[in-house]
Amino acid sequence: MEEKRFGHILENWEAAKAEMRTILIALAKNRQTISYSDLSLQVQTIYISHRSQMMYAMLTEIHDEDEAQNRPGLATLVVRKSDGRPGPGYFAGIDDADWEAYWQREFDKVCSYWEAQDG
């Protein structure tokens, strides 16, 4: 039986994740954020609701892959439309009491890293 994630065959899941990563890299190079809902609309490979566990799982996988490659986490760029900041799940396990300062530092790291990459 073929492996699936959230009802999608693994090949489609990985393709959607690659598509999401490409979107986020382009944003990082331009020092921009994107709302969960706008990101949901831009991913075409599979449908991902902006409020679903699938969205959070995919962003977590992207974050974990970045961390494994010693890259700053692209998930930092995905924010709520209401306040332009990541949701509370982004800050889970963060000891820094000043979440805003933490997020700004991470945003700068992500953008600086990708601005310095060729291509």
N, C-alpha and C. Protein backbone atom coordinates (compact mmCIF):
# COMPACT_ATOMS: atom_id res chain seq x y z
N MET A 1 0.84 -1.19 0.00
CA MET A 1 0.00 0.00 0.00
C MET A 1 0.88 1.25 0.00
N GLU A 2 0.51 2.21 -0.80
CA GLU A 2 1.29 3.43 -0.95
C GLU A 2 1.17 4.33 0.29
N GLU A 3 2.31 4.88 0.71
CA GLU A 3 2.31 5.78 1.87
C GLU A 3 1.56 7.06 1.54
N LYS A 4 0.79 7.54 2.53
CA LYS A 4 0.02 8.76 2.34
C LYS A 4 0.22 9.70 3.53
N ARG A 5 0.04 10.98 3.25
CA ARG A 5 0.03 12.00 4.31
C ARG A 5 -1.24 12.81 4.13
N PHE A 6 -2.05 12.86 5.16
CA PHE A 6 -3.30 13.60 5.12
C PHE A 6 -4.13 13.24 3.88
N GLY A 7 -4.11 11.96 3.52
CA GLY A 7 -4.90 11.47 2.40
C GLY A 7 -4.27 11.64 1.03
N HIS A 8 -3.10 12.24 0.96
CA HIS A 8 -2.41 12.47 -0.31
C HIS A 8 -1.25 11.50 -0.44
N ILE A 9 -1.07 10.96 -1.65
CA ILE A 9 0.08 10.07 -1.84
C ILE A 9 1.35 10.88 -1.56
N LEU A 10 2.35 10.20 -1.07
CA LEU A 10 3.58 10.86 -0.63
C LEU A 10 4.20 11.70 -1.75
N GLU A 11 4.15 11.23 -2.98
CA GLU A 11 4.73 11.97 -4.10
C GLU A 11 4.06 13.35 -4.25
N ASN A 12 2.74 13.40 -4.12
CA ASN A 12 2.03 14.68 -4.22
C ASN A 12 2.30 15.57 -3.01
N TRP A 13 2.39 14.96 -1.84
CA TRP A 13 2.72 15.71 -0.62
C TRP A 13 4.08 16.38 -0.77
N GLU A 14 5.06 15.61 -1.21
CA GLU A 14 6.42 16.15 -1.37
C GLU A 14 6.46 17.22 -2.46
N ALA A 15 5.69 17.05 -3.53
CA ALA A 15 5.64 18.05 -4.59
C ALA A 15 5.03 19.35 -4.08
N ALA A 16 3.99 19.25 -3.27
CA ALA A 16 3.35 20.44 -2.69
C ALA A 16 4.31 21.13 -1.73
N LYS A 17 5.05 20.33 -0.98
CA LYS A 17 6.02 20.90 -0.04
C LYS A 17 7.13 21.63 -0.80
N ALA A 18 7.59 21.06 -1.90
CA ALA A 18 8.61 21.71 -2.72
C ALA A 18 8.06 23.01 -3.32
N GLU A 19 6.80 22.97 -3.73
CA GLU A 19 6.16 24.17 -4.26
C GLU A 19 6.08 25.25 -3.18
N MET A 20 5.69 24.87 -1.98
CA MET A 20 5.60 25.81 -0.87
C MET A 20 6.98 26.38 -0.54
N ARG A 21 7.99 25.53 -0.53
CA ARG A 21 9.36 25.99 -0.26
C ARG A 21 9.81 27.02 -1.30
N THR A 22 9.51 26.78 -2.56
CA THR A 22 9.88 27.71 -3.63
C THR A 22 9.20 29.07 -3.42
N ILE A 23 7.93 29.04 -3.06
CA ILE A 23 7.19 30.28 -2.78
C ILE A 23 7.86 31.04 -1.64
N LEU A 24 8.19 30.33 -0.57
CA LEU A 24 8.77 30.96 0.62
C LEU A 24 10.17 31.50 0.35
N ILE A 25 10.95 30.80 -0.44
CA ILE A 25 12.30 31.29 -0.78
C ILE A 25 12.20 32.60 -1.55
N ALA A 26 11.29 32.66 -2.52
CA ALA A 26 11.11 33.91 -3.28
C ALA A 26 10.71 35.06 -2.36
N LEU A 27 9.85 34.78 -1.40
CA LEU A 27 9.45 35.82 -0.44
C LEU A 27 10.63 36.26 0.43
N ALA A 28 11.43 35.29 0.88
CA ALA A 28 12.59 35.61 1.73
C ALA A 28 13.55 36.53 1.00
N LYS A 29 13.77 36.25 -0.28
CA LYS A 29 14.69 37.07 -1.06
C LYS A 29 14.19 38.50 -1.22
N ASN A 30 12.89 38.70 -1.05
CA ASN A 30 12.29 40.03 -1.13
C ASN A 30 11.88 40.59 0.23
N ARG A 31 12.30 39.88 1.30
CA ARG A 31 12.00 40.30 2.68
C ARG A 31 10.49 40.52 2.89
N GLN A 32 9.72 39.53 2.44
CA GLN A 32 8.27 39.60 2.55
C GLN A 32 7.73 38.43 3.35
N THR A 33 6.56 38.65 3.95
CA THR A 33 5.83 37.57 4.61
C THR A 33 4.64 37.20 3.73
N ILE A 34 3.94 36.15 4.14
CA ILE A 34 2.72 35.72 3.45
C ILE A 34 1.76 35.18 4.50
N SER A 35 0.49 35.45 4.32
CA SER A 35 -0.49 34.92 5.26
C SER A 35 -0.72 33.44 4.97
N TYR A 36 -1.18 32.73 5.99
CA TYR A 36 -1.51 31.32 5.82
C TYR A 36 -2.51 31.15 4.69
N SER A 37 -3.52 32.03 4.63
CA SER A 37 -4.56 31.89 3.61
C SER A 37 -4.01 32.17 2.21
N ASP A 38 -3.14 33.17 2.06
CA ASP A 38 -2.56 33.45 0.75
C ASP A 38 -1.63 32.32 0.30
N LEU A 39 -0.89 31.75 1.23
CA LEU A 39 -0.03 30.62 0.90
C LEU A 39 -0.88 29.44 0.45
N SER A 40 -1.97 29.22 1.15
CA SER A 40 -2.89 28.14 0.78
C SER A 40 -3.37 28.30 -0.66
N LEU A 41 -3.68 29.52 -1.05
CA LEU A 41 -4.16 29.79 -2.41
C LEU A 41 -3.07 29.62 -3.46
N GLN A 42 -1.83 29.88 -3.09
CA GLN A 42 -0.73 29.80 -4.05
C GLN A 42 -0.26 28.38 -4.33
N VAL A 43 -0.41 27.49 -3.36
CA VAL A 43 0.00 26.10 -3.57
C VAL A 43 -1.03 25.42 -4.47
N GLN A 44 -0.59 24.95 -5.62
CA GLN A 44 -1.50 24.39 -6.61
C GLN A 44 -1.48 22.86 -6.68
N THR A 45 -0.43 22.23 -6.19
CA THR A 45 -0.27 20.79 -6.33
C THR A 45 -1.39 20.02 -5.63
N ILE A 46 -1.68 20.41 -4.40
CA ILE A 46 -2.80 19.83 -3.64
C ILE A 46 -3.48 20.97 -2.89
N TYR A 47 -4.73 20.75 -2.51
CA TYR A 47 -5.44 21.76 -1.73
C TYR A 47 -5.03 21.64 -0.27
N ILE A 48 -4.64 22.76 0.30
CA ILE A 48 -4.28 22.81 1.72
C ILE A 48 -5.05 23.97 2.34
N SER A 49 -5.98 23.66 3.20
CA SER A 49 -6.71 24.72 3.89
C SER A 49 -5.75 25.47 4.82
N HIS A 50 -5.90 26.78 4.86
CA HIS A 50 -4.98 27.58 5.69
C HIS A 50 -5.17 27.34 7.18
N ARG A 51 -6.26 26.77 7.58
CA ARG A 51 -6.51 26.51 9.00
C ARG A 51 -6.42 25.03 9.36
N SER A 52 -5.90 24.25 8.46
CA SER A 52 -5.87 22.80 8.68
C SER A 52 -4.60 22.33 9.36
N GLN A 53 -4.69 21.16 9.95
CA GLN A 53 -3.51 20.52 10.51
C GLN A 53 -2.51 20.19 9.40
N MET A 54 -3.02 20.00 8.18
CA MET A 54 -2.14 19.71 7.05
C MET A 54 -1.19 20.88 6.80
N MET A 55 -1.69 22.11 6.87
CA MET A 55 -0.84 23.30 6.68
C MET A 55 0.26 23.32 7.73
N TYR A 56 -0.12 23.09 8.97
CA TYR A 56 0.86 23.15 10.05
C TYR A 56 1.86 22.01 9.94
N ALA A 57 1.40 20.83 9.53
CA ALA A 57 2.30 19.70 9.37
C ALA A 57 3.32 19.96 8.26
N MET A 58 2.86 20.54 7.16
CA MET A 58 3.78 20.82 6.05
C MET A 58 4.80 21.88 6.46
N LEU A 59 4.34 22.92 7.12
CA LEU A 59 5.27 23.96 7.59
C LEU A 59 6.26 23.40 8.60
N THR A 60 5.81 22.49 9.45
CA THR A 60 6.70 21.86 10.42
C THR A 60 7.76 21.02 9.70
N GLU A 61 7.36 20.28 8.67
CA GLU A 61 8.33 19.50 7.91
C GLU A 61 9.36 20.41 7.23
N ILE A 62 8.89 21.51 6.66
CA ILE A 62 9.81 22.46 6.02
C ILE A 62 10.78 23.00 7.06
N HIS A 63 10.26 23.37 8.23
CA HIS A 63 11.10 23.89 9.32
C HIS A 63 12.14 22.84 9.73
N ASP A 64 11.69 21.61 9.92
CA ASP A 64 12.60 20.55 10.37
C ASP A 64 13.69 20.27 9.33
N GLU A 65 13.32 20.31 8.05
CA GLU A 65 14.31 20.11 6.98
C GLU A 65 15.31 21.26 6.96
N ASP A 66 14.82 22.49 7.14
CA ASP A 66 15.74 23.64 7.20
C ASP A 66 16.70 23.48 8.37
N GLU A 67 16.17 23.12 9.51
CA GLU A 67 17.00 22.96 10.71
C GLU A 67 18.05 21.88 10.49
N ALA A 68 17.67 20.77 9.87
CA ALA A 68 18.61 19.67 9.60
C ALA A 68 19.73 20.11 8.66
N GLN A 69 19.46 21.09 7.80
CA GLN A 69 20.45 21.60 6.85
C GLN A 69 21.13 22.89 7.37
N ASN A 70 20.91 23.21 8.64
CA ASN A 70 21.48 24.41 9.27
C ASN A 70 21.09 25.70 8.53
N ARG A 71 19.83 25.72 8.06
CA ARG A 71 19.29 26.92 7.43
C ARG A 71 18.24 27.52 8.37
N PRO A 72 18.10 28.84 8.36
CA PRO A 72 17.01 29.43 9.15
C PRO A 72 15.66 29.00 8.57
N GLY A 73 14.68 28.85 9.42
CA GLY A 73 13.39 28.29 9.04
C GLY A 73 12.50 29.19 8.20
N LEU A 74 12.17 28.72 7.00
CA LEU A 74 11.30 29.46 6.11
C LEU A 74 9.89 29.65 6.67
N ALA A 75 9.46 28.78 7.57
CA ALA A 75 8.13 28.90 8.15
C ALA A 75 7.96 30.23 8.89
N THR A 76 9.06 30.87 9.22
CA THR A 76 9.04 32.18 9.88
C THR A 76 8.27 33.21 9.06
N LEU A 77 8.21 33.02 7.75
CA LEU A 77 7.59 34.00 6.86
C LEU A 77 6.08 33.89 6.80
N VAL A 78 5.51 32.83 7.34
CA VAL A 78 4.07 32.59 7.24
C VAL A 78 3.39 33.17 8.48
N VAL A 79 2.46 34.10 8.23
CA VAL A 79 1.86 34.88 9.31
C VAL A 79 0.33 34.92 9.21
N ARG A 80 -0.28 35.34 10.29
CA ARG A 80 -1.73 35.55 10.31
C ARG A 80 -2.05 36.87 9.62
N LYS A 81 -3.14 36.91 8.89
CA LYS A 81 -3.58 38.15 8.25
C LYS A 81 -3.96 39.19 9.29
N SER A 82 -4.50 38.75 10.40
CA SER A 82 -5.02 39.68 11.41
C SER A 82 -3.96 40.58 12.02
N ASP A 83 -2.75 40.06 12.23
CA ASP A 83 -1.73 40.87 12.89
C ASP A 83 -0.35 40.81 12.23
N GLY A 84 -0.22 40.05 11.15
CA GLY A 84 1.06 39.98 10.45
C GLY A 84 2.15 39.24 11.20
N ARG A 85 1.76 38.37 12.11
CA ARG A 85 2.72 37.60 12.90
C ARG A 85 2.36 36.13 12.84
N PRO A 86 3.34 35.23 13.07
CA PRO A 86 3.04 33.80 13.07
C PRO A 86 2.04 33.46 14.18
N GLY A 87 1.36 32.35 13.99
CA GLY A 87 0.44 31.86 15.02
C GLY A 87 1.19 31.32 16.22
N PRO A 88 0.47 31.03 17.29
CA PRO A 88 1.11 30.57 18.53
C PRO A 88 1.91 29.28 18.38
N GLY A 89 1.54 28.43 17.43
CA GLY A 89 2.29 27.20 17.22
C GLY A 89 3.73 27.45 16.82
N TYR A 90 3.97 28.55 16.13
CA TYR A 90 5.32 28.91 15.72
C TYR A 90 6.22 29.12 16.93
N PHE A 91 5.65 29.64 18.00
CA PHE A 91 6.43 29.98 19.18
C PHE A 91 6.49 28.86 20.22
N ALA A 92 5.86 27.73 19.93
CA ALA A 92 5.85 26.62 20.89
C ALA A 92 7.29 26.21 21.23
N GLY A 93 7.58 26.14 22.50
CA GLY A 93 8.91 25.72 22.95
C GLY A 93 9.96 26.82 22.93
N ILE A 94 9.58 28.04 22.59
CA ILE A 94 10.52 29.15 22.56
C ILE A 94 10.61 29.76 23.95
N ASP A 95 11.82 29.84 24.48
CA ASP A 95 12.02 30.36 25.84
C ASP A 95 12.02 31.88 25.90
N ASP A 96 12.30 32.52 24.79
CA ASP A 96 12.37 33.98 24.75
C ASP A 96 11.01 34.57 25.12
N ALA A 97 10.96 35.37 26.16
CA ALA A 97 9.70 35.96 26.62
C ALA A 97 9.19 37.01 25.64
N ASP A 98 10.08 37.60 24.87
CA ASP A 98 9.68 38.63 23.91
C ASP A 98 9.54 38.00 22.53
N TRP A 99 8.34 37.47 22.26
CA TRP A 99 8.10 36.77 21.00
C TRP A 99 8.30 37.67 19.80
N GLU A 100 7.94 38.93 19.92
CA GLU A 100 8.09 39.85 18.79
C GLU A 100 9.57 40.00 18.42
N ALA A 101 10.42 40.22 19.41
CA ALA A 101 11.86 40.36 19.16
C ALA A 101 12.43 39.06 18.58
N TYR A 102 11.99 37.93 19.12
CA TYR A 102 12.45 36.64 18.62
C TYR A 102 12.07 36.49 17.14
N TRP A 103 10.81 36.76 16.82
CA TRP A 103 10.34 36.62 15.45
C TRP A 103 11.10 37.56 14.51
N GLN A 104 11.34 38.79 14.93
CA GLN A 104 12.07 39.75 14.09
C GLN A 104 13.49 39.25 13.80
N ARG A 105 14.16 38.69 14.83
CA ARG A 105 15.51 38.14 14.63
C ARG A 105 15.48 36.99 13.63
N GLU A 106 14.50 36.10 13.78
CA GLU A 106 14.40 34.95 12.89
C GLU A 106 14.05 35.39 11.47
N PHE A 107 13.18 36.38 11.34
CA PHE A 107 12.82 36.91 10.03
C PHE A 107 14.07 37.46 9.34
N ASP A 108 14.86 38.24 10.07
CA ASP A 108 16.10 38.79 9.50
C ASP A 108 17.07 37.69 9.09
N LYS A 109 17.20 36.65 9.91
CA LYS A 109 18.10 35.53 9.58
C LYS A 109 17.66 34.84 8.28
N VAL A 110 16.36 34.55 8.18
CA VAL A 110 15.84 33.86 6.99
C VAL A 110 16.08 34.70 5.74
N CYS A 111 15.71 35.97 5.81
CA CYS A 111 15.84 36.83 4.63
C CYS A 111 17.31 37.04 4.26
N SER A 112 18.16 37.27 5.22
CA SER A 112 19.57 37.45 4.94
C SER A 112 20.18 36.21 4.32
N TYR A 113 19.82 35.06 4.84
CA TYR A 113 20.35 33.80 4.30
C TYR A 113 19.96 33.65 2.83
N TRP A 114 18.68 33.80 2.51
CA TRP A 114 18.24 33.57 1.14
C TRP A 114 18.64 34.68 0.20
N GLU A 115 18.78 35.90 0.68
CA GLU A 115 19.28 37.00 -0.15
C GLU A 115 20.71 36.72 -0.62
N ALA A 116 21.47 36.01 0.20
CA ALA A 116 22.87 35.72 -0.10
C ALA A 116 23.05 34.51 -1.03
N GLN A 117 21.97 33.75 -1.28
CA GLN A 117 22.07 32.57 -2.14
C GLN A 117 22.01 32.99 -3.61
N ASP A 118 22.75 32.27 -4.42
CA ASP A 118 22.72 32.51 -5.86
C ASP A 118 21.42 32.01 -6.46
N GLY A 119 20.96 32.67 -7.51
CA GLY A 119 19.79 32.20 -8.24
C GLY A 119 18.56 32.78 -7.82
